[in-house]
């Protein structure tokens, strides 16, 4: 897994309202578009490119399916995942299930990691 590339995705999508909306509504199209248009750029400069060429199939599937558990287990930074998916799901979950519902769900789905060493987030 390219932790850098996945974390870059999580970071850039979380900070751009248009990216966030596109990722939430059509993740398959958005992930492919992000790889082509944003992923290889460094510092948002189209002239400078990263040597990372794309997501692995496993990474792409996890991103498309909003599978934050798989991303965590592959070593994606948990805080970047949490903040992105809170931005996407918290309002709806809070409206339907009450305050902090999504955060509690996130914690519950990762509960099997309690007492184990977390996957490294080092790149």
N, C-alpha and C. Protein backbone atom coordinates (compact mmCIF):
# COMPACT_ATOMS: atom_id res chain seq x y z
N UNK A 1 0.84 -1.18 0.00
CA UNK A 1 0.00 0.00 0.00
C UNK A 1 0.88 1.24 0.00
N UNK A 2 0.48 2.21 -0.78
CA UNK A 2 1.14 3.51 -0.71
C UNK A 2 0.39 4.35 0.31
N UNK A 3 0.86 4.32 1.54
CA UNK A 3 0.20 5.08 2.59
C UNK A 3 0.18 6.57 2.25
N UNK A 4 1.28 7.04 1.66
CA UNK A 4 1.35 8.45 1.29
C UNK A 4 0.21 8.79 0.33
N UNK A 5 0.02 7.98 -0.69
CA UNK A 5 -0.97 8.28 -1.72
C UNK A 5 -2.39 8.21 -1.17
N UNK A 6 -2.67 7.19 -0.37
CA UNK A 6 -4.00 7.07 0.24
C UNK A 6 -4.24 8.24 1.20
N UNK A 7 -3.25 8.55 2.02
CA UNK A 7 -3.40 9.66 2.96
C UNK A 7 -3.55 10.99 2.23
N UNK A 8 -2.85 11.14 1.12
CA UNK A 8 -3.01 12.36 0.30
C UNK A 8 -4.44 12.46 -0.20
N UNK A 9 -5.01 11.35 -0.63
CA UNK A 9 -6.41 11.34 -1.07
C UNK A 9 -7.32 11.79 0.07
N UNK A 10 -7.18 11.14 1.23
CA UNK A 10 -8.03 11.47 2.37
C UNK A 10 -7.91 12.95 2.74
N UNK A 11 -6.69 13.45 2.75
CA UNK A 11 -6.43 14.83 3.14
C UNK A 11 -7.03 15.82 2.12
N UNK A 12 -6.77 15.60 0.84
CA UNK A 12 -7.24 16.57 -0.16
C UNK A 12 -8.75 16.55 -0.32
N UNK A 13 -9.35 15.38 -0.24
CA UNK A 13 -10.80 15.30 -0.39
C UNK A 13 -11.50 15.96 0.80
N UNK A 14 -10.98 15.75 1.98
CA UNK A 14 -11.59 16.32 3.19
C UNK A 14 -11.57 17.85 3.19
N UNK A 15 -10.64 18.44 2.48
CA UNK A 15 -10.47 19.89 2.52
C UNK A 15 -11.08 20.64 1.34
N UNK A 16 -11.78 19.93 0.49
CA UNK A 16 -12.38 20.57 -0.68
C UNK A 16 -13.86 20.18 -0.75
N UNK A 17 -14.77 21.11 -0.53
CA UNK A 17 -16.20 20.79 -0.51
C UNK A 17 -16.71 20.13 -1.80
N UNK A 18 -16.17 20.54 -2.95
CA UNK A 18 -16.60 19.93 -4.21
C UNK A 18 -16.11 18.49 -4.31
N UNK A 19 -14.86 18.25 -3.91
CA UNK A 19 -14.33 16.89 -3.88
C UNK A 19 -15.16 16.02 -2.95
N UNK A 20 -15.45 16.56 -1.77
CA UNK A 20 -16.20 15.82 -0.77
C UNK A 20 -17.57 15.40 -1.30
N UNK A 21 -18.26 16.32 -1.92
CA UNK A 21 -19.58 16.03 -2.49
C UNK A 21 -19.49 14.98 -3.59
N UNK A 22 -18.51 15.13 -4.47
CA UNK A 22 -18.34 14.16 -5.56
C UNK A 22 -18.00 12.78 -5.04
N UNK A 23 -17.12 12.72 -4.05
CA UNK A 23 -16.72 11.44 -3.47
C UNK A 23 -17.89 10.77 -2.76
N UNK A 24 -18.71 11.55 -2.09
CA UNK A 24 -19.86 11.00 -1.37
C UNK A 24 -20.92 10.47 -2.33
N UNK A 25 -21.15 11.16 -3.43
CA UNK A 25 -22.25 10.80 -4.32
C UNK A 25 -21.88 9.81 -5.42
N UNK A 26 -20.64 9.83 -5.89
CA UNK A 26 -20.22 8.91 -6.96
C UNK A 26 -18.76 8.52 -6.74
N UNK A 27 -18.52 7.69 -5.72
CA UNK A 27 -17.13 7.40 -5.35
C UNK A 27 -16.31 6.73 -6.46
N UNK A 28 -16.91 5.84 -7.21
CA UNK A 28 -16.15 5.13 -8.25
C UNK A 28 -15.61 6.10 -9.29
N UNK A 29 -16.45 6.97 -9.79
CA UNK A 29 -16.02 7.95 -10.78
C UNK A 29 -15.03 8.93 -10.16
N UNK A 30 -15.33 9.37 -8.95
CA UNK A 30 -14.47 10.37 -8.32
C UNK A 30 -13.06 9.83 -8.06
N UNK A 31 -12.94 8.62 -7.55
CA UNK A 31 -11.62 8.06 -7.25
C UNK A 31 -10.78 8.00 -8.52
N UNK A 32 -11.35 7.53 -9.61
CA UNK A 32 -10.63 7.49 -10.89
C UNK A 32 -10.24 8.88 -11.36
N UNK A 33 -11.15 9.82 -11.25
CA UNK A 33 -10.86 11.20 -11.67
C UNK A 33 -9.78 11.82 -10.80
N UNK A 34 -9.84 11.56 -9.50
CA UNK A 34 -8.82 12.10 -8.59
C UNK A 34 -7.44 11.58 -8.96
N UNK A 35 -7.35 10.29 -9.27
CA UNK A 35 -6.06 9.71 -9.66
C UNK A 35 -5.51 10.40 -10.90
N UNK A 36 -6.35 10.64 -11.87
CA UNK A 36 -5.92 11.26 -13.12
C UNK A 36 -5.59 12.74 -12.97
N UNK A 37 -6.40 13.46 -12.22
CA UNK A 37 -6.28 14.91 -12.19
C UNK A 37 -5.49 15.48 -11.01
N UNK A 38 -5.48 14.79 -9.88
CA UNK A 38 -4.89 15.35 -8.67
C UNK A 38 -3.77 14.49 -8.11
N UNK A 39 -3.94 13.21 -8.09
CA UNK A 39 -3.08 12.29 -7.37
C UNK A 39 -1.59 12.45 -7.58
N UNK A 40 -1.16 12.65 -8.79
CA UNK A 40 0.27 12.71 -9.06
C UNK A 40 0.86 14.11 -8.88
N UNK A 41 0.01 15.11 -8.75
CA UNK A 41 0.53 16.47 -8.57
C UNK A 41 1.15 16.66 -7.20
N UNK A 42 2.20 17.43 -7.16
CA UNK A 42 2.81 17.82 -5.90
C UNK A 42 2.47 19.28 -5.62
N UNK A 43 2.01 19.55 -4.42
CA UNK A 43 1.68 20.92 -4.02
C UNK A 43 0.77 21.63 -5.01
N UNK A 44 -0.14 20.89 -5.60
CA UNK A 44 -1.11 21.44 -6.55
C UNK A 44 -0.45 22.12 -7.74
N UNK A 45 0.77 21.71 -8.04
CA UNK A 45 1.51 22.25 -9.18
C UNK A 45 1.52 21.20 -10.28
N UNK A 46 0.82 21.42 -11.40
CA UNK A 46 0.73 20.41 -12.44
C UNK A 46 2.07 20.06 -13.09
N UNK A 47 3.08 20.92 -12.94
CA UNK A 47 4.39 20.66 -13.54
C UNK A 47 5.21 19.67 -12.72
N UNK A 48 4.92 19.55 -11.43
CA UNK A 48 5.66 18.63 -10.57
C UNK A 48 4.80 17.42 -10.26
N UNK A 49 5.35 16.23 -10.52
CA UNK A 49 4.57 15.01 -10.35
C UNK A 49 5.25 14.03 -9.41
N UNK A 50 4.42 13.29 -8.70
CA UNK A 50 4.87 12.23 -7.81
C UNK A 50 5.20 10.98 -8.64
N UNK A 51 6.01 10.12 -8.09
CA UNK A 51 6.31 8.86 -8.77
C UNK A 51 5.26 7.79 -8.49
N UNK A 52 4.34 8.06 -7.57
CA UNK A 52 3.26 7.11 -7.31
C UNK A 52 2.27 7.23 -8.45
N UNK A 53 1.95 6.12 -9.07
CA UNK A 53 1.14 6.17 -10.28
C UNK A 53 -0.33 5.82 -10.08
N UNK A 54 -0.69 5.31 -8.95
CA UNK A 54 -2.09 5.01 -8.72
C UNK A 54 -2.30 4.13 -7.51
N UNK A 55 -3.56 3.90 -7.21
CA UNK A 55 -3.94 3.05 -6.10
C UNK A 55 -3.82 1.59 -6.50
N UNK A 56 -3.54 0.72 -5.53
CA UNK A 56 -3.66 -0.71 -5.77
C UNK A 56 -5.15 -1.03 -5.89
N UNK A 57 -5.48 -2.20 -6.39
CA UNK A 57 -6.89 -2.59 -6.48
C UNK A 57 -7.54 -2.61 -5.10
N UNK A 58 -6.81 -3.07 -4.10
CA UNK A 58 -7.33 -3.14 -2.74
C UNK A 58 -7.62 -1.74 -2.19
N UNK A 59 -6.69 -0.82 -2.42
CA UNK A 59 -6.88 0.57 -1.96
C UNK A 59 -8.07 1.20 -2.66
N UNK A 60 -8.13 1.02 -3.98
CA UNK A 60 -9.21 1.62 -4.77
C UNK A 60 -10.56 1.08 -4.30
N UNK A 61 -10.65 -0.23 -4.10
CA UNK A 61 -11.92 -0.82 -3.63
C UNK A 61 -12.33 -0.27 -2.28
N UNK A 62 -11.37 -0.15 -1.36
CA UNK A 62 -11.69 0.39 -0.03
C UNK A 62 -12.17 1.83 -0.13
N UNK A 63 -11.52 2.63 -0.98
CA UNK A 63 -11.94 4.03 -1.13
C UNK A 63 -13.31 4.12 -1.79
N UNK A 64 -13.53 3.34 -2.82
CA UNK A 64 -14.82 3.37 -3.51
C UNK A 64 -15.95 2.94 -2.58
N UNK A 65 -15.69 1.96 -1.74
CA UNK A 65 -16.72 1.45 -0.84
C UNK A 65 -16.77 2.15 0.50
N UNK A 66 -15.99 3.23 0.64
CA UNK A 66 -15.93 3.98 1.91
C UNK A 66 -15.63 3.03 3.07
N UNK A 67 -14.73 2.08 2.81
CA UNK A 67 -14.40 1.05 3.80
C UNK A 67 -13.25 1.53 4.69
N UNK A 68 -13.61 2.32 5.69
CA UNK A 68 -12.59 2.89 6.57
C UNK A 68 -11.92 1.85 7.44
N UNK A 69 -12.56 0.73 7.68
CA UNK A 69 -11.91 -0.34 8.44
C UNK A 69 -10.76 -0.92 7.62
N UNK A 70 -11.01 -1.23 6.36
CA UNK A 70 -9.95 -1.76 5.49
C UNK A 70 -8.83 -0.74 5.34
N UNK A 71 -9.17 0.53 5.19
CA UNK A 71 -8.14 1.57 5.07
C UNK A 71 -7.29 1.61 6.32
N UNK A 72 -7.92 1.55 7.49
CA UNK A 72 -7.19 1.53 8.76
C UNK A 72 -6.25 0.33 8.81
N UNK A 73 -6.77 -0.83 8.44
CA UNK A 73 -5.97 -2.05 8.52
C UNK A 73 -4.82 -2.06 7.52
N UNK A 74 -4.95 -1.29 6.44
CA UNK A 74 -3.86 -1.17 5.47
C UNK A 74 -2.85 -0.11 5.89
N UNK A 75 -3.17 0.66 6.93
CA UNK A 75 -2.22 1.64 7.45
C UNK A 75 -2.54 3.08 7.11
N UNK A 76 -3.72 3.35 6.57
CA UNK A 76 -4.11 4.74 6.34
C UNK A 76 -4.20 5.43 7.69
N UNK A 77 -3.89 6.70 7.71
CA UNK A 77 -3.89 7.43 8.98
C UNK A 77 -5.32 7.52 9.51
N UNK A 78 -5.54 7.02 10.72
CA UNK A 78 -6.89 6.94 11.28
C UNK A 78 -7.54 8.31 11.43
N UNK A 79 -6.77 9.34 11.76
CA UNK A 79 -7.36 10.66 11.95
C UNK A 79 -7.83 11.24 10.61
N UNK A 80 -7.06 11.03 9.55
CA UNK A 80 -7.48 11.50 8.23
C UNK A 80 -8.75 10.78 7.79
N UNK A 81 -8.81 9.48 8.03
CA UNK A 81 -10.03 8.72 7.69
C UNK A 81 -11.21 9.20 8.50
N UNK A 82 -11.01 9.32 9.80
CA UNK A 82 -12.11 9.73 10.67
C UNK A 82 -12.66 11.09 10.28
N UNK A 83 -11.79 12.07 10.08
CA UNK A 83 -12.29 13.41 9.76
C UNK A 83 -12.99 13.45 8.40
N UNK A 84 -12.48 12.71 7.42
CA UNK A 84 -13.14 12.67 6.11
C UNK A 84 -14.53 12.05 6.22
N UNK A 85 -14.61 10.90 6.86
CA UNK A 85 -15.91 10.22 6.91
C UNK A 85 -16.88 10.90 7.86
N UNK A 86 -16.39 11.61 8.87
CA UNK A 86 -17.29 12.45 9.67
C UNK A 86 -17.89 13.53 8.78
N UNK A 87 -17.05 14.16 7.98
CA UNK A 87 -17.55 15.21 7.08
C UNK A 87 -18.61 14.66 6.12
N UNK A 88 -18.46 13.43 5.72
CA UNK A 88 -19.41 12.83 4.78
C UNK A 88 -20.69 12.34 5.45
N UNK A 89 -20.57 11.71 6.62
CA UNK A 89 -21.69 10.97 7.18
C UNK A 89 -22.29 11.53 8.46
N UNK A 90 -21.58 12.38 9.17
CA UNK A 90 -22.01 12.77 10.52
C UNK A 90 -23.38 13.44 10.54
N UNK A 91 -23.63 14.35 9.63
CA UNK A 91 -24.90 15.08 9.66
C UNK A 91 -26.08 14.12 9.51
N UNK A 92 -26.00 13.23 8.55
CA UNK A 92 -27.08 12.26 8.33
C UNK A 92 -27.23 11.32 9.52
N UNK A 93 -26.11 10.80 10.00
CA UNK A 93 -26.15 9.87 11.13
C UNK A 93 -26.69 10.56 12.38
N UNK A 94 -26.28 11.79 12.62
CA UNK A 94 -26.76 12.52 13.79
C UNK A 94 -28.26 12.75 13.69
N UNK A 95 -28.72 13.13 12.50
CA UNK A 95 -30.15 13.37 12.30
C UNK A 95 -30.95 12.08 12.55
N UNK A 96 -30.43 10.94 12.10
CA UNK A 96 -31.16 9.69 12.21
C UNK A 96 -30.96 8.97 13.54
N UNK A 97 -29.75 9.12 14.15
CA UNK A 97 -29.42 8.28 15.30
C UNK A 97 -28.94 9.04 16.53
N UNK A 98 -28.76 10.35 16.41
CA UNK A 98 -28.34 11.13 17.56
C UNK A 98 -26.88 11.54 17.50
N UNK A 99 -26.46 12.40 18.43
CA UNK A 99 -25.10 12.95 18.43
C UNK A 99 -24.02 11.86 18.50
N UNK A 100 -22.94 12.10 17.81
CA UNK A 100 -21.76 11.24 17.80
C UNK A 100 -22.04 9.83 17.29
N UNK A 101 -23.14 9.63 16.59
CA UNK A 101 -23.50 8.29 16.11
C UNK A 101 -22.44 7.71 15.18
N UNK A 102 -21.99 8.53 14.24
CA UNK A 102 -21.00 7.99 13.31
C UNK A 102 -19.69 7.69 14.03
N UNK A 103 -19.26 8.56 14.91
CA UNK A 103 -18.01 8.34 15.63
C UNK A 103 -18.09 7.05 16.45
N UNK A 104 -19.24 6.79 17.06
CA UNK A 104 -19.42 5.56 17.83
C UNK A 104 -19.39 4.34 16.91
N UNK A 105 -19.99 4.46 15.74
CA UNK A 105 -19.96 3.37 14.77
C UNK A 105 -18.53 3.11 14.29
N UNK A 106 -17.81 4.16 14.01
CA UNK A 106 -16.40 4.06 13.59
C UNK A 106 -15.61 3.30 14.66
N UNK A 107 -15.78 3.69 15.92
CA UNK A 107 -15.07 3.05 17.03
C UNK A 107 -15.49 1.59 17.17
N UNK A 108 -16.77 1.31 17.04
CA UNK A 108 -17.27 -0.06 17.19
C UNK A 108 -16.71 -0.97 16.11
N UNK A 109 -16.62 -0.45 14.89
CA UNK A 109 -16.11 -1.28 13.79
C UNK A 109 -14.61 -1.54 13.91
N UNK A 110 -13.92 -0.72 14.68
CA UNK A 110 -12.48 -0.93 14.90
C UNK A 110 -12.18 -1.53 16.27
N UNK A 111 -13.22 -1.90 16.99
CA UNK A 111 -13.05 -2.40 18.35
C UNK A 111 -12.18 -3.65 18.42
N UNK A 112 -12.14 -4.44 17.37
CA UNK A 112 -11.31 -5.65 17.37
C UNK A 112 -9.81 -5.33 17.44
N UNK A 113 -9.45 -4.05 17.31
CA UNK A 113 -8.05 -3.65 17.42
C UNK A 113 -7.66 -3.27 18.85
N UNK A 114 -8.62 -3.18 19.74
CA UNK A 114 -8.30 -2.81 21.12
C UNK A 114 -7.33 -3.84 21.70
N UNK A 115 -6.25 -3.34 22.26
CA UNK A 115 -5.25 -4.21 22.87
C UNK A 115 -4.20 -4.73 21.92
N UNK A 116 -4.37 -4.48 20.63
CA UNK A 116 -3.38 -4.91 19.63
C UNK A 116 -2.60 -3.69 19.18
N UNK A 117 -1.40 -3.89 18.71
CA UNK A 117 -0.67 -2.74 18.15
C UNK A 117 -1.34 -2.29 16.84
N UNK A 118 -1.59 -1.00 16.75
CA UNK A 118 -2.21 -0.47 15.54
C UNK A 118 -1.27 -0.59 14.36
N UNK A 119 -1.83 -0.69 13.15
CA UNK A 119 -0.97 -0.70 11.97
C UNK A 119 -0.17 0.61 11.91
N UNK A 120 1.04 0.52 11.43
CA UNK A 120 1.87 1.71 11.33
C UNK A 120 1.30 2.68 10.31
N UNK A 121 1.31 3.96 10.65
CA UNK A 121 0.87 4.99 9.71
C UNK A 121 2.07 5.66 9.04
N UNK A 122 3.28 5.19 9.36
CA UNK A 122 4.48 5.75 8.74
C UNK A 122 4.50 5.48 7.24
N UNK A 123 4.96 6.45 6.50
CA UNK A 123 4.99 6.26 5.05
C UNK A 123 6.35 5.79 4.56
